[in-house]
Amino acid sequence: MKFTALQSSKALNSKASKPHDEALEKRVLAILKENPQIKQADLVSALDSSRTMIQRIMKALSDSGRIERKGGKRYGYWEIHE
């Protein structure tokens, strides 16, 4: 027996493939410029977003080289490369 996805679910999956919103990404960068030592938990509350979404954005920014973590987890800070 073979199952196929409905066209409507395929459309939903293609929209979900975009990991984050560009406007939210810009807001994250703006906050990081103001406070490079901010914690992700504080970003979540400042942006009223989910922790998972903030983690995805931070990973995407880090992977693209736009931000870099300097120092350790506890006393480190985010360096922004534009």
PDB file of N, CA and C in Angstrom:
ATOM      1  N   MET A   1       0.840  -1.170   0.000  1.00  0.00           N
ATOM      2  CA  MET A   1       0.000   0.000   0.000  1.00  0.00           C
ATOM      3  C   MET A   1       0.894   1.245   0.000  1.00  0.00           C
ATOM      4  N   LYS A   2       0.551   2.206  -0.823  1.00  0.00           N
ATOM      5  CA  LYS A   2       1.349   3.421  -0.946  1.00  0.00           C
ATOM      6  C   LYS A   2       0.502   4.612  -0.520  1.00  0.00           C
ATOM      7  N   PHE A   3       1.091   5.487   0.306  1.00  0.00           N
ATOM      8  CA  PHE A   3       0.406   6.690   0.757  1.00  0.00           C
ATOM      9  C   PHE A   3       1.044   7.901   0.104  1.00  0.00           C
ATOM     10  N   THR A   4       0.214   8.836  -0.281  1.00  0.00           N
ATOM     11  CA  THR A   4       0.737  10.076  -0.852  1.00  0.00           C
ATOM     12  C   THR A   4       0.206  11.248  -0.040  1.00  0.00           C
ATOM     13  N   ALA A   5       1.000  12.286   0.037  1.00  0.00           N
ATOM     14  CA  ALA A   5       0.602  13.468   0.794  1.00  0.00           C
ATOM     15  C   ALA A   5      -0.394  14.291   0.004  1.00  0.00           C
ATOM     16  N   LEU A   6      -1.279  14.909   0.726  1.00  0.00           N
ATOM     17  CA  LEU A   6      -2.235  15.807   0.086  1.00  0.00           C
ATOM     18  C   LEU A   6      -1.523  17.064  -0.386  1.00  0.00           C
ATOM     19  N   GLN A   7      -2.030  17.700  -1.411  1.00  0.00           N
ATOM     20  CA  GLN A   7      -1.421  18.922  -1.932  1.00  0.00           C
ATOM     21  C   GLN A   7      -1.372  20.007  -0.866  1.00  0.00           C
ATOM     22  N   SER A   8      -2.404  20.084  -0.017  1.00  0.00           N
ATOM     23  CA  SER A   8      -2.434  21.121   1.009  1.00  0.00           C
ATOM     24  C   SER A   8      -1.314  20.922   2.024  1.00  0.00           C
ATOM     25  N   SER A   9      -1.002  19.685   2.373  1.00  0.00           N
ATOM     26  CA  SER A   9       0.079  19.449   3.333  1.00  0.00           C
ATOM     27  C   SER A   9       1.435  19.715   2.703  1.00  0.00           C
ATOM     28  N   LYS A  10       1.567  19.482   1.407  1.00  0.00           N
ATOM     29  CA  LYS A  10       2.822  19.802   0.729  1.00  0.00           C
ATOM     30  C   LYS A  10       3.066  21.306   0.747  1.00  0.00           C
ATOM     31  N   ALA A  11       2.018  22.086   0.558  1.00  0.00           N
ATOM     32  CA  ALA A  11       2.145  23.545   0.582  1.00  0.00           C
ATOM     33  C   ALA A  11       2.553  24.023   1.971  1.00  0.00           C
ATOM     34  N   LEU A  12       2.002  23.409   3.005  1.00  0.00           N
ATOM     35  CA  LEU A  12       2.357  23.788   4.367  1.00  0.00           C
ATOM     36  C   LEU A  12       3.822  23.475   4.647  1.00  0.00           C
ATOM     37  N   ASN A  13       4.291  22.339   4.176  1.00  0.00           N
ATOM     38  CA  ASN A  13       5.679  21.967   4.408  1.00  0.00           C
ATOM     39  C   ASN A  13       6.642  22.888   3.697  1.00  0.00           C
ATOM     40  N   SER A  14       6.296  23.382   2.524  1.00  0.00           N
ATOM     41  CA  SER A  14       7.194  24.280   1.817  1.00  0.00           C
ATOM     42  C   SER A  14       7.286  25.628   2.533  1.00  0.00           C
ATOM     43  N   LYS A  15       6.194  26.076   3.145  1.00  0.00           N
ATOM     44  CA  LYS A  15       6.232  27.313   3.913  1.00  0.00           C
ATOM     45  C   LYS A  15       7.022  27.124   5.197  1.00  0.00           C
ATOM     46  N   ALA A  16       6.931  25.940   5.793  1.00  0.00           N
ATOM     47  CA  ALA A  16       7.609  25.677   7.055  1.00  0.00           C
ATOM     48  C   ALA A  16       9.109  25.476   6.869  1.00  0.00           C
ATOM     49  N   SER A  17       9.561  25.311   5.637  1.00  0.00           N
ATOM     50  CA  SER A  17      10.980  25.082   5.411  1.00  0.00           C
ATOM     51  C   SER A  17      11.811  26.332   5.694  1.00  0.00           C
ATOM     52  N   LYS A  18      11.199  27.512   5.654  1.00  0.00           N
ATOM     53  CA  LYS A  18      11.910  28.734   6.001  1.00  0.00           C
ATOM     54  C   LYS A  18      12.038  28.785   7.520  1.00  0.00           C
ATOM     55  N   PRO A  19      13.259  28.731   8.042  1.00  0.00           N
ATOM     56  CA  PRO A  19      13.423  28.540   9.481  1.00  0.00           C
ATOM     57  C   PRO A  19      13.058  29.739  10.343  1.00  0.00           C
ATOM     58  N   HIS A  20      13.062  30.919   9.798  1.00  0.00           N
ATOM     59  CA  HIS A  20      12.754  32.075  10.637  1.00  0.00           C
ATOM     60  C   HIS A  20      12.331  33.267   9.786  1.00  0.00           C
ATOM     61  N   ASP A  21      11.818  34.226  10.457  1.00  0.00           N
ATOM     62  CA  ASP A  21      11.335  35.444   9.830  1.00  0.00           C
ATOM     63  C   ASP A  21      12.476  36.462   9.747  1.00  0.00           C
ATOM     64  N   GLU A  22      12.637  37.084   8.593  1.00  0.00           N
ATOM     65  CA  GLU A  22      13.724  38.049   8.401  1.00  0.00           C
ATOM     66  C   GLU A  22      13.572  39.275   9.303  1.00  0.00           C
ATOM     67  N   ALA A  23      12.347  39.688   9.554  1.00  0.00           N
ATOM     68  CA  ALA A  23      12.126  40.846  10.430  1.00  0.00           C
ATOM     69  C   ALA A  23      12.573  40.515  11.851  1.00  0.00           C
ATOM     70  N   LEU A  24      12.282  39.306  12.297  1.00  0.00           N
ATOM     71  CA  LEU A  24      12.701  38.883  13.631  1.00  0.00           C
ATOM     72  C   LEU A  24      14.222  38.794  13.700  1.00  0.00           C
ATOM     73  N   GLU A  25      14.842  38.358  12.621  1.00  0.00           N
ATOM     74  CA  GLU A  25      16.299  38.287  12.562  1.00  0.00           C
ATOM     75  C   GLU A  25      16.912  39.678  12.713  1.00  0.00           C
ATOM     76  N   LYS A  26      16.329  40.664  12.053  1.00  0.00           N
ATOM     77  CA  LYS A  26      16.824  42.041  12.161  1.00  0.00           C
ATOM     78  C   LYS A  26      16.666  42.572  13.577  1.00  0.00           C
ATOM     79  N   ARG A  27      15.558  42.215  14.217  1.00  0.00           N
ATOM     80  CA  ARG A  27      15.338  42.648  15.603  1.00  0.00           C
ATOM     81  C   ARG A  27      16.351  42.006  16.545  1.00  0.00           C
ATOM     82  N   VAL A  28      16.668  40.725  16.308  1.00  0.00           N
ATOM     83  CA  VAL A  28      17.676  40.044  17.124  1.00  0.00           C
ATOM     84  C   VAL A  28      19.020  40.746  16.970  1.00  0.00           C
ATOM     85  N   LEU A  29      19.405  41.060  15.737  1.00  0.00           N
ATOM     86  CA  LEU A  29      20.677  41.747  15.501  1.00  0.00           C
ATOM     87  C   LEU A  29      20.710  43.123  16.177  1.00  0.00           C
ATOM     88  N   ALA A  30      19.605  43.838  16.130  1.00  0.00           N
ATOM     89  CA  ALA A  30      19.544  45.155  16.762  1.00  0.00           C
ATOM     90  C   ALA A  30      19.738  45.040  18.274  1.00  0.00           C
ATOM     91  N   ILE A  31      19.113  44.049  18.876  1.00  0.00           N
ATOM     92  CA  ILE A  31      19.250  43.853  20.323  1.00  0.00           C
ATOM     93  C   ILE A  31      20.670  43.418  20.665  1.00  0.00           C
ATOM     94  N   LEU A  32      21.260  42.558  19.840  1.00  0.00           N
ATOM     95  CA  LEU A  32      22.636  42.121  20.092  1.00  0.00           C
ATOM     96  C   LEU A  32      23.620  43.277  19.973  1.00  0.00           C
ATOM     97  N   LYS A  33      23.342  44.233  19.091  1.00  0.00           N
ATOM     98  CA  LYS A  33      24.208  45.412  18.967  1.00  0.00           C
ATOM     99  C   LYS A  33      24.144  46.249  20.237  1.00  0.00           C
ATOM    100  N   GLU A  34      22.944  46.379  20.797  1.00  0.00           N
ATOM    101  CA  GLU A  34      22.762  47.168  22.015  1.00  0.00           C
ATOM    102  C   GLU A  34      23.358  46.471  23.237  1.00  0.00           C
ATOM    103  N   ASN A  35      23.176  45.143  23.300  1.00  0.00           N
ATOM    104  CA  ASN A  35      23.611  44.386  24.469  1.00  0.00           C
ATOM    105  C   ASN A  35      24.233  43.066  24.010  1.00  0.00           C
ATOM    106  N   PRO A  36      25.541  43.052  23.713  1.00  0.00           N
ATOM    107  CA  PRO A  36      26.180  41.833  23.200  1.00  0.00           C
ATOM    108  C   PRO A  36      26.245  40.692  24.211  1.00  0.00           C
ATOM    109  N   GLN A  37      26.026  40.987  25.493  1.00  0.00           N
ATOM    110  CA  GLN A  37      26.101  39.944  26.515  1.00  0.00           C
ATOM    111  C   GLN A  37      24.742  39.357  26.866  1.00  0.00           C
ATOM    112  N   ILE A  38      23.719  39.698  26.122  1.00  0.00           N
ATOM    113  CA  ILE A  38      22.365  39.241  26.423  1.00  0.00           C
ATOM    114  C   ILE A  38      22.268  37.719  26.290  1.00  0.00           C
ATOM    115  N   LYS A  39      21.455  37.124  27.131  1.00  0.00           N
ATOM    116  CA  LYS A  39      21.232  35.679  27.094  1.00  0.00           C
ATOM    117  C   LYS A  39      20.049  35.383  26.186  1.00  0.00           C
ATOM    118  N   GLN A  40      20.002  34.171  25.662  1.00  0.00           N
ATOM    119  CA  GLN A  40      18.903  33.791  24.774  1.00  0.00           C
ATOM    120  C   GLN A  40      17.564  33.870  25.505  1.00  0.00           C
ATOM    121  N   ALA A  41      17.543  33.526  26.780  1.00  0.00           N
ATOM    122  CA  ALA A  41      16.298  33.599  27.554  1.00  0.00           C
ATOM    123  C   ALA A  41      15.779  35.040  27.606  1.00  0.00           C
ATOM    124  N   ASP A  42      16.693  36.000  27.701  1.00  0.00           N
ATOM    125  CA  ASP A  42      16.296  37.410  27.705  1.00  0.00           C
ATOM    126  C   ASP A  42      15.820  37.856  26.328  1.00  0.00           C
ATOM    127  N   LEU A  43      16.417  37.304  25.276  1.00  0.00           N
ATOM    128  CA  LEU A  43      15.950  37.604  23.915  1.00  0.00           C
ATOM    129  C   LEU A  43      14.524  37.082  23.715  1.00  0.00           C
ATOM    130  N   VAL A  44      14.256  35.909  24.247  1.00  0.00           N
ATOM    131  CA  VAL A  44      12.919  35.316  24.130  1.00  0.00           C
ATOM    132  C   VAL A  44      11.882  36.248  24.730  1.00  0.00           C
ATOM    133  N   SER A  45      12.148  36.741  25.932  1.00  0.00           N
ATOM    134  CA  SER A  45      11.169  37.619  26.576  1.00  0.00           C
ATOM    135  C   SER A  45      11.113  38.993  25.912  1.00  0.00           C
ATOM    136  N   ALA A  46      12.250  39.512  25.448  1.00  0.00           N
ATOM    137  CA  ALA A  46      12.264  40.830  24.801  1.00  0.00           C
ATOM    138  C   ALA A  46      11.524  40.818  23.476  1.00  0.00           C
ATOM    139  N   LEU A  47      11.608  39.702  22.752  1.00  0.00           N
ATOM    140  CA  LEU A  47      10.990  39.621  21.428  1.00  0.00           C
ATOM    141  C   LEU A  47       9.651  38.915  21.440  1.00  0.00           C
ATOM    142  N   ASP A  48       9.248  38.414  22.596  1.00  0.00           N
ATOM    143  CA  ASP A  48       7.979  37.690  22.734  1.00  0.00           C
ATOM    144  C   ASP A  48       7.887  36.584  21.685  1.00  0.00           C
ATOM    145  N   SER A  49       8.932  35.770  21.639  1.00  0.00           N
ATOM    146  CA  SER A  49       9.024  34.689  20.680  1.00  0.00           C
ATOM    147  C   SER A  49       9.343  33.399  21.424  1.00  0.00           C
ATOM    148  N   SER A  50       9.362  32.290  20.707  1.00  0.00           N
ATOM    149  CA  SER A  50       9.680  31.021  21.350  1.00  0.00           C
ATOM    150  C   SER A  50      11.191  30.838  21.443  1.00  0.00           C
ATOM    151  N   ARG A  51      11.602  30.058  22.411  1.00  0.00           N
ATOM    152  CA  ARG A  51      13.032  29.780  22.598  1.00  0.00           C
ATOM    153  C   ARG A  51      13.597  29.065  21.376  1.00  0.00           C
ATOM    154  N   THR A  52      12.809  28.158  20.803  1.00  0.00           N
ATOM    155  CA  THR A  52      13.252  27.421  19.627  1.00  0.00           C
ATOM    156  C   THR A  52      13.505  28.358  18.457  1.00  0.00           C
ATOM    157  N   MET A  53      12.625  29.320  18.258  1.00  0.00           N
ATOM    158  CA  MET A  53      12.784  30.270  17.151  1.00  0.00           C
ATOM    159  C   MET A  53      14.043  31.109  17.339  1.00  0.00           C
ATOM    160  N   ILE A  54      14.284  31.568  18.555  1.00  0.00           N
ATOM    161  CA  ILE A  54      15.486  32.366  18.833  1.00  0.00           C
ATOM    162  C   ILE A  54      16.735  31.523  18.618  1.00  0.00           C
ATOM    163  N   GLN A  55      16.698  30.262  19.042  1.00  0.00           N
ATOM    164  CA  GLN A  55      17.843  29.378  18.836  1.00  0.00           C
ATOM    165  C   GLN A  55      18.114  29.162  17.352  1.00  0.00           C
ATOM    166  N   ARG A  56      17.069  28.999  16.560  1.00  0.00           N
ATOM    167  CA  ARG A  56      17.234  28.823  15.109  1.00  0.00           C
ATOM    168  C   ARG A  56      17.859  30.059  14.471  1.00  0.00           C
ATOM    169  N   ILE A  57      17.376  31.226  14.883  1.00  0.00           N
ATOM    170  CA  ILE A  57      17.892  32.473  14.337  1.00  0.00           C
ATOM    171  C   ILE A  57      19.363  32.650  14.715  1.00  0.00           C
ATOM    172  N   MET A  58      19.681  32.400  15.975  1.00  0.00           N
ATOM    173  CA  MET A  58      21.055  32.559  16.434  1.00  0.00           C
ATOM    174  C   MET A  58      21.978  31.574  15.701  1.00  0.00           C
ATOM    175  N   LYS A  59      21.527  30.359  15.484  1.00  0.00           N
ATOM    176  CA  LYS A  59      22.330  29.369  14.769  1.00  0.00           C
ATOM    177  C   LYS A  59      22.533  29.792  13.316  1.00  0.00           C
ATOM    178  N   ALA A  60      21.459  30.277  12.674  1.00  0.00           N
ATOM    179  CA  ALA A  60      21.565  30.721  11.285  1.00  0.00           C
ATOM    180  C   ALA A  60      22.519  31.904  11.165  1.00  0.00           C
ATOM    181  N   LEU A  61      22.434  32.847  12.088  1.00  0.00           N
ATOM    182  CA  LEU A  61      23.330  34.007  12.073  1.00  0.00           C
ATOM    183  C   LEU A  61      24.778  33.581  12.315  1.00  0.00           C
ATOM    184  N   SER A  62      24.960  32.651  13.220  1.00  0.00           N
ATOM    185  CA  SER A  62      26.297  32.153  13.520  1.00  0.00           C
ATOM    186  C   SER A  62      26.881  31.361  12.349  1.00  0.00           C
ATOM    187  N   ASP A  63      26.064  30.495  11.752  1.00  0.00           N
ATOM    188  CA  ASP A  63      26.529  29.693  10.611  1.00  0.00           C
ATOM    189  C   ASP A  63      26.875  30.555   9.408  1.00  0.00           C
ATOM    190  N   SER A  64      26.157  31.662   9.237  1.00  0.00           N
ATOM    191  CA  SER A  64      26.427  32.542   8.096  1.00  0.00           C
ATOM    192  C   SER A  64      27.589  33.502   8.368  1.00  0.00           C
ATOM    193  N   GLY A  65      28.093  33.513   9.602  1.00  0.00           N
ATOM    194  CA  GLY A  65      29.224  34.365   9.944  1.00  0.00           C
ATOM    195  C   GLY A  65      28.839  35.781  10.315  1.00  0.00           C
ATOM    196  N   ARG A  66      27.557  36.041  10.471  1.00  0.00           N
ATOM    197  CA  ARG A  66      27.117  37.401  10.814  1.00  0.00           C
ATOM    198  C   ARG A  66      27.321  37.717  12.288  1.00  0.00           C
ATOM    199  N   ILE A  67      27.293  36.672  13.144  1.00  0.00           N
ATOM    200  CA  ILE A  67      27.604  36.847  14.553  1.00  0.00           C
ATOM    201  C   ILE A  67      28.586  35.751  14.967  1.00  0.00           C
ATOM    202  N   GLU A  68      29.334  36.040  16.027  1.00  0.00           N
ATOM    203  CA  GLU A  68      30.296  35.069  16.534  1.00  0.00           C
ATOM    204  C   GLU A  68      30.328  35.184  18.059  1.00  0.00           C
ATOM    205  N   ARG A  69      30.349  34.038  18.716  1.00  0.00           N
ATOM    206  CA  ARG A  69      30.408  34.021  20.168  1.00  0.00           C
ATOM    207  C   ARG A  69      31.862  34.123  20.601  1.00  0.00           C
ATOM    208  N   LYS A  70      32.155  35.086  21.453  1.00  0.00           N
ATOM    209  CA  LYS A  70      33.492  35.281  22.017  1.00  0.00           C
ATOM    210  C   LYS A  70      33.417  34.986  23.506  1.00  0.00           C
ATOM    211  N   GLY A  71      34.401  34.288  24.010  1.00  0.00           N
ATOM    212  CA  GLY A  71      34.409  33.944  25.422  1.00  0.00           C
ATOM    213  C   GLY A  71      33.526  32.737  25.689  1.00  0.00           C
ATOM    214  N   GLY A  72      33.303  32.460  26.941  1.00  0.00           N
ATOM    215  CA  GLY A  72      32.526  31.288  27.336  1.00  0.00           C
ATOM    216  C   GLY A  72      31.036  31.560  27.396  1.00  0.00           C
ATOM    217  N   LYS A  73      30.306  30.540  27.821  1.00  0.00           N
ATOM    218  CA  LYS A  73      28.853  30.665  27.923  1.00  0.00           C
ATOM    219  C   LYS A  73      28.446  31.661  28.997  1.00  0.00           C
ATOM    220  N   ARG A  74      29.164  31.654  30.094  1.00  0.00           N
ATOM    221  CA  ARG A  74      28.751  32.472  31.234  1.00  0.00           C
ATOM    222  C   ARG A  74      29.165  33.944  31.100  1.00  0.00           C
ATOM    223  N   TYR A  75      30.386  34.185  30.688  1.00  0.00           N
ATOM    224  CA  TYR A  75      30.888  35.563  30.641  1.00  0.00           C
ATOM    225  C   TYR A  75      31.187  36.037  29.222  1.00  0.00           C
ATOM    226  N   GLY A  76      30.740  35.300  28.229  1.00  0.00           N
ATOM    227  CA  GLY A  76      31.011  35.655  26.855  1.00  0.00           C
ATOM    228  C   GLY A  76      30.081  36.736  26.320  1.00  0.00           C
ATOM    229  N   TYR A  77      30.287  37.065  25.057  1.00  0.00           N
ATOM    230  CA  TYR A  77      29.455  38.070  24.391  1.00  0.00           C
ATOM    231  C   TYR A  77      29.373  37.738  22.905  1.00  0.00           C
ATOM    232  N   TRP A  78      28.443  38.372  22.234  1.00  0.00           N
ATOM    233  CA  TRP A  78      28.237  38.167  20.795  1.00  0.00           C
ATOM    234  C   TRP A  78      28.917  39.296  20.037  1.00  0.00           C
ATOM    235  N   GLU A  79      29.761  38.928  19.087  1.00  0.00           N
ATOM    236  CA  GLU A  79      30.410  39.906  18.208  1.00  0.00           C
ATOM    237  C   GLU A  79      29.674  39.900  16.884  1.00  0.00           C
ATOM    238  N   ILE A  80      29.270  41.080  16.420  1.00  0.00           N
ATOM    239  CA  ILE A  80      28.490  41.191  15.188  1.00  0.00           C
ATOM    240  C   ILE A  80      29.420  41.578  14.048  1.00  0.00           C
ATOM    241  N   HIS A  81      29.319  40.825  12.938  1.00  0.00           N
ATOM    242  CA  HIS A  81      30.096  41.090  11.726  1.00  0.00           C
ATOM    243  C   HIS A  81      29.110  41.504  10.633  1.00  0.00           C
ATOM    244  N   GLU A  82      29.222  42.719  10.158  1.00  0.00           N
ATOM    245  CA  GLU A  82      28.287  43.183   9.111  1.00  0.00           C
ATOM    246  C   GLU A  82      28.983  43.363   7.811  1.00  0.00           C
TER     247      GLU A  82
END
